[in-house]
């Protein structure tokens, strides 16, 4: 199944689980969120201007192809330019959009949005869904490795995706946070630079 994905993406996941090559992965399930071990000696940050909506449109079909019968309203705002490492930000979007797809699965009127807003002269990107949501009292566990807020029997997952997101955003000098409520969906926000850098 990996053949249809970009080579850097497959190798990124392989690195995170300790495989020598993505071909060693033999579980034919799901799509799993892509992760990568952000060791500065192994992954150089290549920052440049890129089209964020185009990245989002490139990663979403990977989830759609596994559940083509689902009816999901997807809204991606055009014209969002970002400065950062495009391949690494693609992994961020793969995980955040993948979570939105997964946790909205039980809503027959699922909606997923990728957009941005300006706060204090800084661009804040966000991924929003109207899915299962979570209790904010557990928000401190969100970005830890192998931390999950939902039961495996309800929603499968590895517990490493959001930790990877946090690592990539930290490498860019940005921030990532979330806002949610049970059964009210979730919004994940992120920046790709510190406020002082804007």
C-alpha atoms as a PDB file:
ATOM      1  CA  UNK A   1       0.000   0.000   0.000  1.00  0.00           C
ATOM      2  CA  UNK A   2       2.945   2.318   0.485  1.00  0.00           C
ATOM      3  CA  UNK A   3       3.659   2.483  -3.229  1.00  0.00           C
ATOM      4  CA  UNK A   4       1.046   5.159  -3.748  1.00  0.00           C
ATOM      5  CA  UNK A   5       2.616   7.494  -1.188  1.00  0.00           C
ATOM      6  CA  UNK A   6       5.608   9.825  -1.570  1.00  0.00           C
ATOM      7  CA  UNK A   7       8.894   8.098  -0.829  1.00  0.00           C
ATOM      8  CA  UNK A   8       9.851  10.660   1.833  1.00  0.00           C
ATOM      9  CA  UNK A   9       6.581  10.013   3.631  1.00  0.00           C
ATOM     10  CA  UNK A  10       7.044   6.253   3.769  1.00  0.00           C
ATOM     11  CA  UNK A  11      10.614   6.581   4.970  1.00  0.00           C
ATOM     12  CA  UNK A  12       9.520   9.101   7.575  1.00  0.00           C
ATOM     13  CA  UNK A  13       7.163   6.567   9.101  1.00  0.00           C
ATOM     14  CA  UNK A  14       9.805   3.844   8.872  1.00  0.00           C
ATOM     15  CA  UNK A  15      12.276   5.980  10.795  1.00  0.00           C
ATOM     16  CA  UNK A  16       9.745   6.584  13.555  1.00  0.00           C
ATOM     17  CA  UNK A  17       9.205   2.884  14.176  1.00  0.00           C
ATOM     18  CA  UNK A  18      12.814   1.835  13.687  1.00  0.00           C
ATOM     19  CA  UNK A  19      12.513   0.123  10.284  1.00  0.00           C
ATOM     20  CA  UNK A  20      15.448   0.188   7.904  1.00  0.00           C
ATOM     21  CA  UNK A  21      13.039   0.802   5.035  1.00  0.00           C
ATOM     22  CA  UNK A  22       9.306   1.406   4.639  1.00  0.00           C
ATOM     23  CA  UNK A  23       9.013  -1.938   2.850  1.00  0.00           C
ATOM     24  CA  UNK A  24       9.522  -3.664   6.217  1.00  0.00           C
ATOM     25  CA  UNK A  25       6.102  -2.444   7.326  1.00  0.00           C
ATOM     26  CA  UNK A  26       3.802  -5.391   6.847  1.00  0.00           C
ATOM     27  CA  UNK A  27       0.526  -4.378   8.527  1.00  0.00           C
ATOM     28  CA  UNK A  28      -1.997  -3.843   5.725  1.00  0.00           C
ATOM     29  CA  UNK A  29      -4.285  -1.677   7.836  1.00  0.00           C
ATOM     30  CA  UNK A  30      -5.645   1.717   7.752  1.00  0.00           C
ATOM     31  CA  UNK A  31      -3.815   4.664   6.757  1.00  0.00           C
ATOM     32  CA  UNK A  32      -1.614   5.419   9.768  1.00  0.00           C
ATOM     33  CA  UNK A  33      -0.568   9.019  10.411  1.00  0.00           C
ATOM     34  CA  UNK A  34       2.912   9.678   9.111  1.00  0.00           C
ATOM     35  CA  UNK A  35       5.656  10.387  11.612  1.00  0.00           C
ATOM     36  CA  UNK A  36       9.335  11.154  11.488  1.00  0.00           C
ATOM     37  CA  UNK A  37      12.070  11.260  14.082  1.00  0.00           C
ATOM     38  CA  UNK A  38      13.279  14.844  14.192  1.00  0.00           C
ATOM     39  CA  UNK A  39      16.932  14.378  15.000  1.00  0.00           C
ATOM     40  CA  UNK A  40      18.729  17.566  13.843  1.00  0.00           C
ATOM     41  CA  UNK A  41      21.600  15.431  12.641  1.00  0.00           C
ATOM     42  CA  UNK A  42      19.298  13.433  10.357  1.00  0.00           C
ATOM     43  CA  UNK A  43      16.652  15.914   9.208  1.00  0.00           C
ATOM     44  CA  UNK A  44      17.693  19.351   7.986  1.00  0.00           C
ATOM     45  CA  UNK A  45      15.056  22.065   8.058  1.00  0.00           C
ATOM     46  CA  UNK A  46      14.653  23.473   4.549  1.00  0.00           C
ATOM     47  CA  UNK A  47      12.466  26.563   4.827  1.00  0.00           C
ATOM     48  CA  UNK A  48      10.870  28.200   1.824  1.00  0.00           C
ATOM     49  CA  UNK A  49       7.542  29.715   0.776  1.00  0.00           C
ATOM     50  CA  UNK A  50       4.927  27.119  -0.152  1.00  0.00           C
ATOM     51  CA  UNK A  51       1.210  26.777  -0.865  1.00  0.00           C
ATOM     52  CA  UNK A  52      -0.408  25.344   2.275  1.00  0.00           C
ATOM     53  CA  UNK A  53      -3.833  24.542   0.727  1.00  0.00           C
ATOM     54  CA  UNK A  54      -2.148  22.564  -2.042  1.00  0.00           C
ATOM     55  CA  UNK A  55      -0.368  20.448   0.572  1.00  0.00           C
ATOM     56  CA  UNK A  56      -3.675  19.807   2.314  1.00  0.00           C
ATOM     57  CA  UNK A  57      -5.282  18.698  -0.953  1.00  0.00           C
ATOM     58  CA  UNK A  58      -2.376  16.349  -1.600  1.00  0.00           C
ATOM     59  CA  UNK A  59      -2.652  14.500   1.737  1.00  0.00           C
ATOM     60  CA  UNK A  60      -6.438  14.286   2.133  1.00  0.00           C
ATOM     61  CA  UNK A  61      -7.050  11.807  -0.718  1.00  0.00           C
ATOM     62  CA  UNK A  62      -4.938   9.265   1.141  1.00  0.00           C
ATOM     63  CA  UNK A  63      -7.675   9.080   3.783  1.00  0.00           C
ATOM     64  CA  UNK A  64     -10.590   9.385   1.391  1.00  0.00           C
ATOM     65  CA  UNK A  65      -9.473   6.403  -0.679  1.00  0.00           C
ATOM     66  CA  UNK A  66      -9.872   4.069   2.306  1.00  0.00           C
ATOM     67  CA  UNK A  67     -13.463   5.167   2.968  1.00  0.00           C
ATOM     68  CA  UNK A  68     -14.771   6.385  -0.399  1.00  0.00           C
ATOM     69  CA  UNK A  69     -18.408   5.933   0.652  1.00  0.00           C
ATOM     70  CA  UNK A  70     -18.172   8.480   3.463  1.00  0.00           C
ATOM     71  CA  UNK A  71     -19.918  11.794   2.926  1.00  0.00           C
ATOM     72  CA  UNK A  72     -17.695  14.514   4.351  1.00  0.00           C
ATOM     73  CA  UNK A  73     -17.907  18.231   3.707  1.00  0.00           C
ATOM     74  CA  UNK A  74     -14.326  19.415   3.217  1.00  0.00           C
ATOM     75  CA  UNK A  75     -13.488  23.107   3.167  1.00  0.00           C
ATOM     76  CA  UNK A  76      -9.934  24.201   2.348  1.00  0.00           C
ATOM     77  CA  UNK A  77      -9.326  27.940   2.147  1.00  0.00           C
ATOM     78  CA  UNK A  78      -7.263  28.969  -0.870  1.00  0.00           C
ATOM     79  CA  UNK A  79      -4.499  31.541  -0.952  1.00  0.00           C
ATOM     80  CA  UNK A  80      -2.716  30.524   2.249  1.00  0.00           C
ATOM     81  CA  UNK A  81       1.022  30.948   1.819  1.00  0.00           C
ATOM     82  CA  UNK A  82       3.367  29.568   4.456  1.00  0.00           C
ATOM     83  CA  UNK A  83       7.072  29.784   5.177  1.00  0.00           C
ATOM     84  CA  UNK A  84       8.623  26.535   6.325  1.00  0.00           C
ATOM     85  CA  UNK A  85       9.806  23.074   5.395  1.00  0.00           C
ATOM     86  CA  UNK A  86       7.117  21.856   3.001  1.00  0.00           C
ATOM     87  CA  UNK A  87       7.689  18.079   3.370  1.00  0.00           C
ATOM     88  CA  UNK A  88       7.670  18.313   7.164  1.00  0.00           C
ATOM     89  CA  UNK A  89       4.590  20.533   7.207  1.00  0.00           C
ATOM     90  CA  UNK A  90       2.942  17.943   4.949  1.00  0.00           C
ATOM     91  CA  UNK A  91       3.450  15.441   7.778  1.00  0.00           C
ATOM     92  CA  UNK A  92       1.799  17.905  10.180  1.00  0.00           C
ATOM     93  CA  UNK A  93      -1.208  18.188   7.863  1.00  0.00           C
ATOM     94  CA  UNK A  94      -1.268  14.433   7.269  1.00  0.00           C
ATOM     95  CA  UNK A  95      -1.662  13.870  10.999  1.00  0.00           C
ATOM     96  CA  UNK A  96      -4.072  16.720  11.762  1.00  0.00           C
ATOM     97  CA  UNK A  97      -6.325  16.123   8.750  1.00  0.00           C
ATOM     98  CA  UNK A  98      -6.107  12.383   9.362  1.00  0.00           C
ATOM     99  CA  UNK A  99      -7.276  12.858  12.934  1.00  0.00           C
ATOM    100  CA  UNK A 100     -10.111  15.082  11.759  1.00  0.00           C
ATOM    101  CA  UNK A 101     -11.141  12.402   9.262  1.00  0.00           C
ATOM    102  CA  UNK A 102     -10.917   9.631  11.840  1.00  0.00           C
ATOM    103  CA  UNK A 103     -12.652  11.313  14.773  1.00  0.00           C
ATOM    104  CA  UNK A 104     -15.498  12.676  12.649  1.00  0.00           C
ATOM    105  CA  UNK A 105     -16.308   9.199  11.275  1.00  0.00           C
ATOM    106  CA  UNK A 106     -19.343   8.725  13.521  1.00  0.00           C
ATOM    107  CA  UNK A 107     -20.939  12.011  12.503  1.00  0.00           C
ATOM    108  CA  UNK A 108     -23.184  11.486   9.441  1.00  0.00           C
ATOM    109  CA  UNK A 109     -22.761  15.185   8.627  1.00  0.00           C
ATOM    110  CA  UNK A 110     -19.000  15.325   9.081  1.00  0.00           C
ATOM    111  CA  UNK A 111     -17.189  18.535   8.230  1.00  0.00           C
ATOM    112  CA  UNK A 112     -13.436  19.184   8.030  1.00  0.00           C
ATOM    113  CA  UNK A 113     -11.911  22.620   7.546  1.00  0.00           C
ATOM    114  CA  UNK A 114      -8.379  23.851   6.929  1.00  0.00           C
ATOM    115  CA  UNK A 115      -7.939  27.607   7.121  1.00  0.00           C
ATOM    116  CA  UNK A 116      -5.978  30.349   8.859  1.00  0.00           C
ATOM    117  CA  UNK A 117      -6.524  33.556  10.794  1.00  0.00           C
ATOM    118  CA  UNK A 118      -4.370  36.480  11.820  1.00  0.00           C
ATOM    119  CA  UNK A 119      -3.571  36.940  15.487  1.00  0.00           C
ATOM    120  CA  UNK A 120      -1.176  39.651  16.639  1.00  0.00           C
ATOM    121  CA  UNK A 121       0.376  39.950  13.167  1.00  0.00           C
ATOM    122  CA  UNK A 122       0.951  36.197  13.037  1.00  0.00           C
ATOM    123  CA  UNK A 123      -0.648  33.623  10.752  1.00  0.00           C
ATOM    124  CA  UNK A 124      -2.352  30.886  12.754  1.00  0.00           C
ATOM    125  CA  UNK A 125      -3.321  27.834  10.707  1.00  0.00           C
ATOM    126  CA  UNK A 126      -5.995  25.475  11.958  1.00  0.00           C
ATOM    127  CA  UNK A 127      -7.696  22.168  11.205  1.00  0.00           C
ATOM    128  CA  UNK A 128     -11.259  21.902  12.527  1.00  0.00           C
ATOM    129  CA  UNK A 129     -13.749  19.044  12.605  1.00  0.00           C
ATOM    130  CA  UNK A 130     -17.160  18.346  14.108  1.00  0.00           C
ATOM    131  CA  UNK A 131     -16.330  14.890  15.407  1.00  0.00           C
ATOM    132  CA  UNK A 132     -15.912  13.202  18.767  1.00  0.00           C
ATOM    133  CA  UNK A 133     -13.888  15.958  20.414  1.00  0.00           C
ATOM    134  CA  UNK A 134     -12.325  15.529  23.867  1.00  0.00           C
ATOM    135  CA  UNK A 135     -12.383  16.978  27.362  1.00  0.00           C
ATOM    136  CA  UNK A 136      -9.923  19.869  27.662  1.00  0.00           C
ATOM    137  CA  UNK A 137      -8.931  18.738  31.146  1.00  0.00           C
ATOM    138  CA  UNK A 138      -6.857  16.077  29.347  1.00  0.00           C
ATOM    139  CA  UNK A 139      -5.285  18.538  26.901  1.00  0.00           C
ATOM    140  CA  UNK A 140      -1.914  18.246  28.632  1.00  0.00           C
ATOM    141  CA  UNK A 141      -1.635  14.659  27.377  1.00  0.00           C
ATOM    142  CA  UNK A 142      -2.351  15.486  23.743  1.00  0.00           C
ATOM    143  CA  UNK A 143       1.172  15.869  22.442  1.00  0.00           C
ATOM    144  CA  UNK A 144       2.886  13.159  24.447  1.00  0.00           C
ATOM    145  CA  UNK A 145       4.165   9.975  22.833  1.00  0.00           C
ATOM    146  CA  UNK A 146       1.718   7.046  23.093  1.00  0.00           C
ATOM    147  CA  UNK A 147      -0.876   9.265  24.807  1.00  0.00           C
ATOM    148  CA  UNK A 148      -4.446   8.695  23.622  1.00  0.00           C
ATOM    149  CA  UNK A 149      -7.694  10.314  24.794  1.00  0.00           C
ATOM    150  CA  UNK A 150     -10.049   7.796  23.174  1.00  0.00           C
ATOM    151  CA  UNK A 151     -10.405   4.052  23.578  1.00  0.00           C
ATOM    152  CA  UNK A 152      -8.732   1.921  20.911  1.00  0.00           C
ATOM    153  CA  UNK A 153     -11.974   0.051  20.318  1.00  0.00           C
ATOM    154  CA  UNK A 154     -13.639   3.364  19.418  1.00  0.00           C
ATOM    155  CA  UNK A 155     -10.866   4.883  17.310  1.00  0.00           C
ATOM    156  CA  UNK A 156      -7.663   3.115  16.326  1.00  0.00           C
ATOM    157  CA  UNK A 157      -4.313   4.858  16.287  1.00  0.00           C
ATOM    158  CA  UNK A 158      -0.670   4.709  17.329  1.00  0.00           C
ATOM    159  CA  UNK A 159      -0.445   7.533  19.882  1.00  0.00           C
ATOM    160  CA  UNK A 160       2.555   9.117  18.157  1.00  0.00           C
ATOM    161  CA  UNK A 161       0.995  11.380  15.527  1.00  0.00           C
ATOM    162  CA  UNK A 162       0.444  14.492  17.650  1.00  0.00           C
ATOM    163  CA  UNK A 163       3.861  14.097  19.289  1.00  0.00           C
ATOM    164  CA  UNK A 164       5.331  14.213  15.788  1.00  0.00           C
ATOM    165  CA  UNK A 165       3.274  17.295  14.984  1.00  0.00           C
ATOM    166  CA  UNK A 166       4.583  19.042  18.093  1.00  0.00           C
ATOM    167  CA  UNK A 167       8.187  18.146  17.243  1.00  0.00           C
ATOM    168  CA  UNK A 168       7.907  19.519  13.723  1.00  0.00           C
ATOM    169  CA  UNK A 169       6.208  22.729  14.860  1.00  0.00           C
ATOM    170  CA  UNK A 170       8.824  23.211  17.582  1.00  0.00           C
ATOM    171  CA  UNK A 171      11.554  22.800  14.967  1.00  0.00           C
ATOM    172  CA  UNK A 172       9.997  25.716  13.093  1.00  0.00           C
ATOM    173  CA  UNK A 173       9.911  27.835  16.256  1.00  0.00           C
ATOM    174  CA  UNK A 174       6.126  27.781  16.265  1.00  0.00           C
ATOM    175  CA  UNK A 175       3.396  26.594  18.600  1.00  0.00           C
ATOM    176  CA  UNK A 176       0.587  24.041  18.425  1.00  0.00           C
ATOM    177  CA  UNK A 177      -2.487  23.850  20.653  1.00  0.00           C
ATOM    178  CA  UNK A 178      -6.072  22.639  20.574  1.00  0.00           C
ATOM    179  CA  UNK A 179      -9.574  23.606  21.597  1.00  0.00           C
ATOM    180  CA  UNK A 180     -12.323  21.027  21.983  1.00  0.00           C
ATOM    181  CA  UNK A 181     -15.280  19.661  23.937  1.00  0.00           C
ATOM    182  CA  UNK A 182     -16.742  16.150  24.050  1.00  0.00           C
ATOM    183  CA  UNK A 183     -18.986  15.492  21.048  1.00  0.00           C
ATOM    184  CA  UNK A 184     -18.390  19.038  19.827  1.00  0.00           C
ATOM    185  CA  UNK A 185     -15.428  18.455  17.528  1.00  0.00           C
ATOM    186  CA  UNK A 186     -11.905  19.775  17.840  1.00  0.00           C
ATOM    187  CA  UNK A 187      -9.758  22.543  16.399  1.00  0.00           C
ATOM    188  CA  UNK A 188      -5.984  22.209  16.222  1.00  0.00           C
ATOM    189  CA  UNK A 189      -4.062  25.446  15.748  1.00  0.00           C
ATOM    190  CA  UNK A 190      -0.430  25.856  14.765  1.00  0.00           C
ATOM    191  CA  UNK A 191       2.076  28.520  13.782  1.00  0.00           C
ATOM    192  CA  UNK A 192       5.301  28.081  11.865  1.00  0.00           C
ATOM    193  CA  UNK A 193       7.328  30.793  13.573  1.00  0.00           C
ATOM    194  CA  UNK A 194       7.523  32.567  16.901  1.00  0.00           C
ATOM    195  CA  UNK A 195       5.626  35.876  17.288  1.00  0.00           C
ATOM    196  CA  UNK A 196       8.959  37.706  17.506  1.00  0.00           C
ATOM    197  CA  UNK A 197       9.924  36.393  14.056  1.00  0.00           C
ATOM    198  CA  UNK A 198       6.945  37.940  12.267  1.00  0.00           C
END
